[in-house]
């Protein structure tokens, strides 16, 4: 059985902060993709509501995801996220079944 997991993270920008949130989220893509346990890491912006962003991530294991959360660039985002986010991140974990 695969230990791979998928993380789907929804975020909403404060009014007027859509572009800034996008800039900060897009800055996470390349360093995340460079992590050893990262299978894929993609950032999406809603076509209906530009304030809504979605991160779609696939990780080799729970341990790799835990390591990802400890990376300095992700900690820096977490420390300043309240400047641009309208509410908490909606983080959902999925297990691959097919």
PDB file of N, CA and C in Angstrom:
ATOM      1  N   UNK A   1       0.844  -1.190   0.000  1.00  0.00           N
ATOM      2  CA  UNK A   1       0.000   0.000   0.000  1.00  0.00           C
ATOM      3  C   UNK A   1       0.886   1.248   0.000  1.00  0.00           C
ATOM      4  N   UNK A   2       0.549   2.187  -0.840  1.00  0.00           N
ATOM      5  CA  UNK A   2       1.317   3.416  -0.975  1.00  0.00           C
ATOM      6  C   UNK A   2       1.170   4.302   0.252  1.00  0.00           C
ATOM      7  N   UNK A   3       2.278   4.941   0.620  1.00  0.00           N
ATOM      8  CA  UNK A   3       2.253   5.911   1.713  1.00  0.00           C
ATOM      9  C   UNK A   3       2.013   7.324   1.173  1.00  0.00           C
ATOM     10  N   UNK A   4       1.911   7.433  -0.161  1.00  0.00           N
ATOM     11  CA  UNK A   4       1.724   8.736  -0.788  1.00  0.00           C
ATOM     12  C   UNK A   4       0.461   9.412  -0.280  1.00  0.00           C
ATOM     13  N   UNK A   5       0.547  10.733  -0.115  1.00  0.00           N
ATOM     14  CA  UNK A   5      -0.645  11.465   0.265  1.00  0.00           C
ATOM     15  C   UNK A   5      -0.755  12.752  -0.528  1.00  0.00           C
ATOM     16  N   UNK A   6      -1.980  13.201  -0.641  1.00  0.00           N
ATOM     17  CA  UNK A   6      -2.290  14.433  -1.353  1.00  0.00           C
ATOM     18  C   UNK A   6      -2.792  15.450  -0.345  1.00  0.00           C
ATOM     19  N   UNK A   7      -2.317  16.657  -0.503  1.00  0.00           N
ATOM     20  CA  UNK A   7      -2.746  17.756   0.346  1.00  0.00           C
ATOM     21  C   UNK A   7      -3.434  18.778  -0.556  1.00  0.00           C
ATOM     22  N   UNK A   8      -4.633  19.196  -0.156  1.00  0.00           N
ATOM     23  CA  UNK A   8      -5.363  20.244  -0.862  1.00  0.00           C
ATOM     24  C   UNK A   8      -5.573  21.366   0.151  1.00  0.00           C
ATOM     25  N   UNK A   9      -5.092  22.556  -0.201  1.00  0.00           N
ATOM     26  CA  UNK A   9      -5.152  23.681   0.732  1.00  0.00           C
ATOM     27  C   UNK A   9      -5.869  24.848   0.047  1.00  0.00           C
ATOM     28  N   UNK A  10      -6.972  25.270   0.643  1.00  0.00           N
ATOM     29  CA  UNK A  10      -7.720  26.431   0.159  1.00  0.00           C
ATOM     30  C   UNK A  10      -7.342  27.647   1.006  1.00  0.00           C
ATOM     31  N   UNK A  11      -7.180  28.776   0.332  1.00  0.00           N
ATOM     32  CA  UNK A  11      -6.933  30.023   1.055  1.00  0.00           C
ATOM     33  C   UNK A  11      -7.718  31.145   0.385  1.00  0.00           C
ATOM     34  N   UNK A  12      -8.076  32.130   1.183  1.00  0.00           N
ATOM     35  CA  UNK A  12      -8.823  33.286   0.677  1.00  0.00           C
ATOM     36  C   UNK A  12      -8.084  34.552   1.095  1.00  0.00           C
ATOM     37  N   UNK A  13      -7.847  35.418   0.120  1.00  0.00           N
ATOM     38  CA  UNK A  13      -7.171  36.685   0.374  1.00  0.00           C
ATOM     39  C   UNK A  13      -8.122  37.694   1.010  1.00  0.00           C
ATOM     40  N   UNK A  14      -7.563  38.538   1.838  1.00  0.00           N
ATOM     41  CA  UNK A  14      -8.320  39.690   2.323  1.00  0.00           C
ATOM     42  C   UNK A  14      -8.648  40.572   1.121  1.00  0.00           C
ATOM     43  N   UNK A  15      -9.734  41.338   1.190  1.00  0.00           N
ATOM     44  CA  UNK A  15     -10.049  42.246   0.081  1.00  0.00           C
ATOM     45  C   UNK A  15      -8.864  43.144  -0.255  1.00  0.00           C
ATOM     46  N   UNK A  16      -8.540  43.200  -1.527  1.00  0.00           N
ATOM     47  CA  UNK A  16      -7.425  44.013  -1.989  1.00  0.00           C
ATOM     48  C   UNK A  16      -6.072  43.342  -1.879  1.00  0.00           C
ATOM     49  N   UNK A  17      -6.005  42.144  -1.302  1.00  0.00           N
ATOM     50  CA  UNK A  17      -4.729  41.446  -1.114  1.00  0.00           C
ATOM     51  C   UNK A  17      -4.593  40.223  -2.029  1.00  0.00           C
ATOM     52  N   UNK A  18      -5.462  40.097  -3.024  1.00  0.00           N
ATOM     53  CA  UNK A  18      -5.444  38.938  -3.908  1.00  0.00           C
ATOM     54  C   UNK A  18      -4.087  38.765  -4.594  1.00  0.00           C
ATOM     55  N   UNK A  19      -3.559  39.847  -5.130  1.00  0.00           N
ATOM     56  CA  UNK A  19      -2.289  39.785  -5.847  1.00  0.00           C
ATOM     57  C   UNK A  19      -1.129  39.471  -4.891  1.00  0.00           C
ATOM     58  N   UNK A  20      -1.131  40.071  -3.734  1.00  0.00           N
ATOM     59  CA  UNK A  20      -0.062  39.836  -2.759  1.00  0.00           C
ATOM     60  C   UNK A  20      -0.093  38.398  -2.251  1.00  0.00           C
ATOM     61  N   UNK A  21      -1.280  37.878  -1.966  1.00  0.00           N
ATOM     62  CA  UNK A  21      -1.365  36.480  -1.542  1.00  0.00           C
ATOM     63  C   UNK A  21      -0.833  35.570  -2.643  1.00  0.00           C
ATOM     64  N   UNK A  22      -1.248  35.835  -3.876  1.00  0.00           N
ATOM     65  CA  UNK A  22      -0.756  35.034  -4.995  1.00  0.00           C
ATOM     66  C   UNK A  22       0.746  35.072  -5.111  1.00  0.00           C
ATOM     67  N   UNK A  23       1.326  36.233  -4.964  1.00  0.00           N
ATOM     68  CA  UNK A  23       2.788  36.381  -5.032  1.00  0.00           C
ATOM     69  C   UNK A  23       3.460  35.528  -3.959  1.00  0.00           C
ATOM     70  N   UNK A  24       2.936  35.574  -2.745  1.00  0.00           N
ATOM     71  CA  UNK A  24       3.522  34.807  -1.640  1.00  0.00           C
ATOM     72  C   UNK A  24       3.341  33.302  -1.846  1.00  0.00           C
ATOM     73  N   UNK A  25       2.183  32.905  -2.317  1.00  0.00           N
ATOM     74  CA  UNK A  25       1.937  31.477  -2.554  1.00  0.00           C
ATOM     75  C   UNK A  25       2.801  30.952  -3.697  1.00  0.00           C
ATOM     76  N   UNK A  26       2.887  31.709  -4.776  1.00  0.00           N
ATOM     77  CA  UNK A  26       3.691  31.266  -5.915  1.00  0.00           C
ATOM     78  C   UNK A  26       5.179  31.171  -5.558  1.00  0.00           C
ATOM     79  N   UNK A  27       5.613  31.960  -4.590  1.00  0.00           N
ATOM     80  CA  UNK A  27       7.015  31.884  -4.138  1.00  0.00           C
ATOM     81  C   UNK A  27       7.307  30.568  -3.414  1.00  0.00           C
ATOM     82  N   UNK A  28       6.282  29.851  -2.988  1.00  0.00           N
ATOM     83  CA  UNK A  28       6.468  28.564  -2.301  1.00  0.00           C
ATOM     84  C   UNK A  28       6.642  27.405  -3.281  1.00  0.00           C
ATOM     85  N   UNK A  29       6.271  27.585  -4.531  1.00  0.00           N
ATOM     86  CA  UNK A  29       6.220  26.482  -5.481  1.00  0.00           C
ATOM     87  C   UNK A  29       7.597  25.874  -5.748  1.00  0.00           C
ATOM     88  N   UNK A  30       8.534  26.658  -6.222  1.00  0.00           N
ATOM     89  CA  UNK A  30       9.835  26.098  -6.615  1.00  0.00           C
ATOM     90  C   UNK A  30      10.587  25.447  -5.453  1.00  0.00           C
ATOM     91  N   UNK A  31      10.696  26.106  -4.286  1.00  0.00           N
ATOM     92  CA  UNK A  31      11.401  25.430  -3.195  1.00  0.00           C
ATOM     93  C   UNK A  31      10.686  24.163  -2.723  1.00  0.00           C
ATOM     94  N   UNK A  32       9.361  24.163  -2.788  1.00  0.00           N
ATOM     95  CA  UNK A  32       8.621  22.961  -2.396  1.00  0.00           C
ATOM     96  C   UNK A  32       8.880  21.828  -3.370  1.00  0.00           C
ATOM     97  N   UNK A  33       8.863  22.137  -4.663  1.00  0.00           N
ATOM     98  CA  UNK A  33       9.126  21.117  -5.676  1.00  0.00           C
ATOM     99  C   UNK A  33      10.531  20.541  -5.549  1.00  0.00           C
ATOM    100  N   UNK A  34      11.448  21.317  -5.014  1.00  0.00           N
ATOM    101  CA  UNK A  34      12.839  20.862  -4.865  1.00  0.00           C
ATOM    102  C   UNK A  34      13.035  19.931  -3.670  1.00  0.00           C
ATOM    103  N   UNK A  35      12.056  19.854  -2.790  1.00  0.00           N
ATOM    104  CA  UNK A  35      12.182  18.977  -1.627  1.00  0.00           C
ATOM    105  C   UNK A  35      12.162  17.515  -2.073  1.00  0.00           C
ATOM    106  N   UNK A  36      12.952  16.698  -1.403  1.00  0.00           N
ATOM    107  CA  UNK A  36      13.127  15.305  -1.794  1.00  0.00           C
ATOM    108  C   UNK A  36      11.821  14.521  -1.865  1.00  0.00           C
ATOM    109  N   UNK A  37      10.914  14.738  -0.935  1.00  0.00           N
ATOM    110  CA  UNK A  37       9.690  13.952  -0.885  1.00  0.00           C
ATOM    111  C   UNK A  37       8.534  14.506  -1.697  1.00  0.00           C
ATOM    112  N   UNK A  38       8.743  15.609  -2.394  1.00  0.00           N
ATOM    113  CA  UNK A  38       7.665  16.240  -3.166  1.00  0.00           C
ATOM    114  C   UNK A  38       7.503  15.535  -4.510  1.00  0.00           C
ATOM    115  N   UNK A  39       6.301  15.061  -4.777  1.00  0.00           N
ATOM    116  CA  UNK A  39       5.976  14.457  -6.068  1.00  0.00           C
ATOM    117  C   UNK A  39       5.471  15.539  -7.017  1.00  0.00           C
ATOM    118  N   UNK A  40       4.585  16.388  -6.530  1.00  0.00           N
ATOM    119  CA  UNK A  40       4.094  17.524  -7.313  1.00  0.00           C
ATOM    120  C   UNK A  40       3.581  18.596  -6.362  1.00  0.00           C
ATOM    121  N   UNK A  41       3.609  19.834  -6.854  1.00  0.00           N
ATOM    122  CA  UNK A  41       3.190  20.980  -6.035  1.00  0.00           C
ATOM    123  C   UNK A  41       2.715  22.053  -7.007  1.00  0.00           C
ATOM    124  N   UNK A  42       1.417  22.291  -7.033  1.00  0.00           N
ATOM    125  CA  UNK A  42       0.854  23.237  -7.987  1.00  0.00           C
ATOM    126  C   UNK A  42      -0.076  24.217  -7.288  1.00  0.00           C
ATOM    127  N   UNK A  43      -0.056  25.443  -7.764  1.00  0.00           N
ATOM    128  CA  UNK A  43      -0.874  26.507  -7.192  1.00  0.00           C
ATOM    129  C   UNK A  43      -1.905  26.938  -8.231  1.00  0.00           C
ATOM    130  N   UNK A  44      -3.143  27.107  -7.791  1.00  0.00           N
ATOM    131  CA  UNK A  44      -4.248  27.470  -8.677  1.00  0.00           C
ATOM    132  C   UNK A  44      -4.991  28.676  -8.105  1.00  0.00           C
ATOM    133  N   UNK A  45      -5.536  29.512  -9.011  1.00  0.00           N
ATOM    134  CA  UNK A  45      -6.388  30.623  -8.598  1.00  0.00           C
ATOM    135  C   UNK A  45      -7.771  30.417  -9.201  1.00  0.00           C
ATOM    136  N   UNK A  46      -8.800  30.632  -8.410  1.00  0.00           N
ATOM    137  CA  UNK A  46     -10.176  30.438  -8.860  1.00  0.00           C
ATOM    138  C   UNK A  46     -10.510  31.374 -10.018  1.00  0.00           C
ATOM    139  N   UNK A  47     -11.199  30.827 -11.009  1.00  0.00           N
ATOM    140  CA  UNK A  47     -11.681  31.651 -12.123  1.00  0.00           C
ATOM    141  C   UNK A  47     -12.894  32.474 -11.717  1.00  0.00           C
ATOM    142  N   UNK A  48     -13.667  31.965 -10.759  1.00  0.00           N
ATOM    143  CA  UNK A  48     -14.880  32.664 -10.332  1.00  0.00           C
ATOM    144  C   UNK A  48     -14.611  33.729  -9.277  1.00  0.00           C
ATOM    145  N   UNK A  49     -13.609  33.482  -8.436  1.00  0.00           N
ATOM    146  CA  UNK A  49     -13.320  34.394  -7.325  1.00  0.00           C
ATOM    147  C   UNK A  49     -11.804  34.511  -7.170  1.00  0.00           C
ATOM    148  N   UNK A  50     -11.196  35.572  -7.686  1.00  0.00           N
ATOM    149  CA  UNK A  50      -9.735  35.702  -7.658  1.00  0.00           C
ATOM    150  C   UNK A  50      -9.131  35.773  -6.256  1.00  0.00           C
ATOM    151  N   UNK A  51      -9.963  35.889  -5.236  1.00  0.00           N
ATOM    152  CA  UNK A  51      -9.452  35.893  -3.863  1.00  0.00           C
ATOM    153  C   UNK A  51      -9.148  34.477  -3.374  1.00  0.00           C
ATOM    154  N   UNK A  52      -9.661  33.470  -4.085  1.00  0.00           N
ATOM    155  CA  UNK A  52      -9.516  32.077  -3.646  1.00  0.00           C
ATOM    156  C   UNK A  52      -8.367  31.400  -4.389  1.00  0.00           C
ATOM    157  N   UNK A  53      -7.476  30.826  -3.611  1.00  0.00           N
ATOM    158  CA  UNK A  53      -6.319  30.088  -4.129  1.00  0.00           C
ATOM    159  C   UNK A  53      -6.367  28.659  -3.611  1.00  0.00           C
ATOM    160  N   UNK A  54      -5.812  27.746  -4.396  1.00  0.00           N
ATOM    161  CA  UNK A  54      -5.777  26.346  -4.021  1.00  0.00           C
ATOM    162  C   UNK A  54      -4.385  25.791  -4.299  1.00  0.00           C
ATOM    163  N   UNK A  55      -3.821  25.149  -3.304  1.00  0.00           N
ATOM    164  CA  UNK A  55      -2.561  24.419  -3.486  1.00  0.00           C
ATOM    165  C   UNK A  55      -2.911  22.946  -3.597  1.00  0.00           C
ATOM    166  N   UNK A  56      -2.382  22.287  -4.618  1.00  0.00           N
ATOM    167  CA  UNK A  56      -2.586  20.852  -4.818  1.00  0.00           C
ATOM    168  C   UNK A  56      -1.208  20.207  -4.766  1.00  0.00           C
ATOM    169  N   UNK A  57      -0.990  19.401  -3.725  1.00  0.00           N
ATOM    170  CA  UNK A  57       0.330  18.855  -3.457  1.00  0.00           C
ATOM    171  C   UNK A  57       0.266  17.336  -3.323  1.00  0.00           C
ATOM    172  N   UNK A  58       1.293  16.659  -3.816  1.00  0.00           N
ATOM    173  CA  UNK A  58       1.442  15.225  -3.614  1.00  0.00           C
ATOM    174  C   UNK A  58       2.797  14.973  -2.984  1.00  0.00           C
ATOM    175  N   UNK A  59       2.769  14.208  -1.893  1.00  0.00           N
ATOM    176  CA  UNK A  59       3.971  13.925  -1.122  1.00  0.00           C
ATOM    177  C   UNK A  59       4.184  12.420  -1.024  1.00  0.00           C
ATOM    178  N   UNK A  60       5.435  12.029  -0.977  1.00  0.00           N
ATOM    179  CA  UNK A  60       5.808  10.618  -0.926  1.00  0.00           C
ATOM    180  C   UNK A  60       5.322   9.944   0.359  1.00  0.00           C
ATOM    181  N   UNK A  61       5.329  10.687   1.472  1.00  0.00           N
ATOM    182  CA  UNK A  61       4.936  10.107   2.753  1.00  0.00           C
ATOM    183  C   UNK A  61       4.547  11.207   3.744  1.00  0.00           C
ATOM    184  N   UNK A  62       3.934  10.792   4.810  1.00  0.00           N
ATOM    185  CA  UNK A  62       3.583  11.710   5.900  1.00  0.00           C
ATOM    186  C   UNK A  62       4.842  12.355   6.483  1.00  0.00           C
ATOM    187  N   UNK A  63       5.919  11.588   6.556  1.00  0.00           N
ATOM    188  CA  UNK A  63       7.193  12.108   7.078  1.00  0.00           C
ATOM    189  C   UNK A  63       7.732  13.228   6.190  1.00  0.00           C
ATOM    190  N   UNK A  64       7.615  13.036   4.869  1.00  0.00           N
ATOM    191  CA  UNK A  64       8.074  14.087   3.951  1.00  0.00           C
ATOM    192  C   UNK A  64       7.237  15.352   4.099  1.00  0.00           C
ATOM    193  N   UNK A  65       5.938  15.184   4.303  1.00  0.00           N
ATOM    194  CA  UNK A  65       5.074  16.350   4.514  1.00  0.00           C
ATOM    195  C   UNK A  65       5.434  17.054   5.816  1.00  0.00           C
ATOM    196  N   UNK A  66       5.704  16.283   6.861  1.00  0.00           N
ATOM    197  CA  UNK A  66       6.103  16.880   8.146  1.00  0.00           C
ATOM    198  C   UNK A  66       7.387  17.686   7.980  1.00  0.00           C
ATOM    199  N   UNK A  67       8.321  17.163   7.213  1.00  0.00           N
ATOM    200  CA  UNK A  67       9.574  17.885   6.946  1.00  0.00           C
ATOM    201  C   UNK A  67       9.292  19.175   6.168  1.00  0.00           C
ATOM    202  N   UNK A  68       8.378  19.105   5.220  1.00  0.00           N
ATOM    203  CA  UNK A  68       7.987  20.278   4.429  1.00  0.00           C
ATOM    204  C   UNK A  68       7.500  21.400   5.342  1.00  0.00           C
ATOM    205  N   UNK A  69       6.667  21.059   6.318  1.00  0.00           N
ATOM    206  CA  UNK A  69       6.122  22.070   7.224  1.00  0.00           C
ATOM    207  C   UNK A  69       7.193  22.734   8.087  1.00  0.00           C
ATOM    208  N   UNK A  70       8.367  22.119   8.205  1.00  0.00           N
ATOM    209  CA  UNK A  70       9.458  22.673   9.016  1.00  0.00           C
ATOM    210  C   UNK A  70      10.428  23.524   8.204  1.00  0.00           C
ATOM    211  N   UNK A  71      10.249  23.594   6.901  1.00  0.00           N
ATOM    212  CA  UNK A  71      11.169  24.357   6.056  1.00  0.00           C
ATOM    213  C   UNK A  71      11.082  25.850   6.386  1.00  0.00           C
ATOM    214  N   UNK A  72      12.228  26.542   6.406  1.00  0.00           N
ATOM    215  CA  UNK A  72      12.227  27.973   6.777  1.00  0.00           C
ATOM    216  C   UNK A  72      11.305  28.834   5.910  1.00  0.00           C
ATOM    217  N   UNK A  73      11.249  28.583   4.621  1.00  0.00           N
ATOM    218  CA  UNK A  73      10.402  29.412   3.750  1.00  0.00           C
ATOM    219  C   UNK A  73       8.917  29.200   4.049  1.00  0.00           C
ATOM    220  N   UNK A  74       8.535  27.988   4.439  1.00  0.00           N
ATOM    221  CA  UNK A  74       7.131  27.740   4.773  1.00  0.00           C
ATOM    222  C   UNK A  74       6.797  28.314   6.146  1.00  0.00           C
ATOM    223  N   UNK A  75       7.740  28.228   7.065  1.00  0.00           N
ATOM    224  CA  UNK A  75       7.538  28.832   8.389  1.00  0.00           C
ATOM    225  C   UNK A  75       7.400  30.349   8.263  1.00  0.00           C
ATOM    226  N   UNK A  76       8.200  30.959   7.375  1.00  0.00           N
ATOM    227  CA  UNK A  76       8.117  32.410   7.159  1.00  0.00           C
ATOM    228  C   UNK A  76       6.742  32.785   6.601  1.00  0.00           C
ATOM    229  N   UNK A  77       6.222  31.979   5.681  1.00  0.00           N
ATOM    230  CA  UNK A  77       4.869  32.237   5.163  1.00  0.00           C
ATOM    231  C   UNK A  77       3.851  32.135   6.297  1.00  0.00           C
ATOM    232  N   UNK A  78       3.958  31.085   7.087  1.00  0.00           N
ATOM    233  CA  UNK A  78       3.011  30.871   8.189  1.00  0.00           C
ATOM    234  C   UNK A  78       3.051  32.021   9.194  1.00  0.00           C
ATOM    235  N   UNK A  79       4.242  32.553   9.441  1.00  0.00           N
ATOM    236  CA  UNK A  79       4.388  33.635  10.417  1.00  0.00           C
ATOM    237  C   UNK A  79       3.734  34.939   9.960  1.00  0.00           C
ATOM    238  N   UNK A  80       3.571  35.123   8.643  1.00  0.00           N
ATOM    239  CA  UNK A  80       3.039  36.389   8.125  1.00  0.00           C
ATOM    240  C   UNK A  80       1.709  36.217   7.386  1.00  0.00           C
ATOM    241  N   UNK A  81       1.152  35.022   7.390  1.00  0.00           N
ATOM    242  CA  UNK A  81      -0.050  34.735   6.593  1.00  0.00           C
ATOM    243  C   UNK A  81      -1.244  35.593   6.977  1.00  0.00           C
ATOM    244  N   UNK A  82      -1.349  35.971   8.242  1.00  0.00           N
ATOM    245  CA  UNK A  82      -2.504  36.751   8.681  1.00  0.00           C
ATOM    246  C   UNK A  82      -2.545  38.152   8.060  1.00  0.00           C
ATOM    247  N   UNK A  83      -1.425  38.595   7.501  1.00  0.00           N
ATOM    248  CA  UNK A  83      -1.398  39.895   6.817  1.00  0.00           C
ATOM    249  C   UNK A  83      -2.256  39.864   5.548  1.00  0.00           C
ATOM    250  N   UNK A  84      -2.352  38.695   4.915  1.00  0.00           N
ATOM    251  CA  UNK A  84      -3.003  38.601   3.608  1.00  0.00           C
ATOM    252  C   UNK A  84      -4.209  37.668   3.569  1.00  0.00           C
ATOM    253  N   UNK A  85      -4.334  36.773   4.546  1.00  0.00           N
ATOM    254  CA  UNK A  85      -5.420  35.794   4.529  1.00  0.00           C
ATOM    255  C   UNK A  85      -6.673  36.307   5.228  1.00  0.00           C
ATOM    256  N   UNK A  86      -7.797  36.016   4.613  1.00  0.00           N
ATOM    257  CA  UNK A  86      -9.096  36.328   5.199  1.00  0.00           C
ATOM    258  C   UNK A  86      -9.631  35.037   5.817  1.00  0.00           C
ATOM    259  N   UNK A  87      -9.161  34.726   7.003  1.00  0.00           N
ATOM    260  CA  UNK A  87      -9.566  33.490   7.679  1.00  0.00           C
ATOM    261  C   UNK A  87      -8.462  32.448   7.629  1.00  0.00           C
ATOM    262  N   UNK A  88      -8.712  31.322   8.280  1.00  0.00           N
ATOM    263  CA  UNK A  88      -7.688  30.276   8.350  1.00  0.00           C
ATOM    264  C   UNK A  88      -7.551  29.510   7.037  1.00  0.00           C
ATOM    265  N   UNK A  89      -6.402  28.879   6.852  1.00  0.00           N
ATOM    266  CA  UNK A  89      -6.207  27.973   5.727  1.00  0.00           C
ATOM    267  C   UNK A  89      -7.113  26.756   5.924  1.00  0.00           C
ATOM    268  N   UNK A  90      -7.658  26.254   4.860  1.00  0.00           N
ATOM    269  CA  UNK A  90      -8.474  25.034   4.886  1.00  0.00           C
ATOM    270  C   UNK A  90      -7.595  23.923   4.313  1.00  0.00           C
ATOM    271  N   UNK A  91      -7.000  23.117   5.193  1.00  0.00           N
ATOM    272  CA  UNK A  91      -6.047  22.084   4.801  1.00  0.00           C
ATOM    273  C   UNK A  91      -6.721  20.721   4.883  1.00  0.00           C
ATOM    274  N   UNK A  92      -6.696  19.983   3.767  1.00  0.00           N
ATOM    275  CA  UNK A  92      -7.318  18.654   3.717  1.00  0.00           C
ATOM    276  C   UNK A  92      -6.312  17.639   3.182  1.00  0.00           C
ATOM    277  N   UNK A  93      -6.203  16.501   3.882  1.00  0.00           N
ATOM    278  CA  UNK A  93      -5.302  15.421   3.469  1.00  0.00           C
ATOM    279  C   UNK A  93      -6.112  14.291   2.857  1.00  0.00           C
ATOM    280  N   UNK A  94      -5.571  13.733   1.782  1.00  0.00           N
ATOM    281  CA  UNK A  94      -6.210  12.622   1.087  1.00  0.00           C
ATOM    282  C   UNK A  94      -5.199  11.492   0.899  1.00  0.00           C
ATOM    283  N   UNK A  95      -5.716  10.263   0.890  1.00  0.00           N
ATOM    284  CA  UNK A  95      -4.915   9.080   0.609  1.00  0.00           C
ATOM    285  C   UNK A  95      -5.288   8.594  -0.788  1.00  0.00           C
ATOM    286  N   UNK A  96      -4.287   8.297  -1.590  1.00  0.00           N
ATOM    287  CA  UNK A  96      -4.544   7.807  -2.958  1.00  0.00           C
ATOM    288  C   UNK A  96      -5.145   6.412  -2.901  1.00  0.00           C
ATOM    289  N   UNK A  97      -6.160   6.179  -3.699  1.00  0.00           N
ATOM    290  CA  UNK A  97      -6.860   4.886  -3.707  1.00  0.00           C
ATOM    291  C   UNK A  97      -6.878   4.224  -5.081  1.00  0.00           C
ATOM    292  N   UNK A  98      -6.362   4.883  -6.104  1.00  0.00           N
ATOM    293  CA  UNK A  98      -6.355   4.265  -7.430  1.00  0.00           C
ATOM    294  C   UNK A  98      -5.015   4.452  -8.108  1.00  0.00           C
TER     295      UNK A  98
END
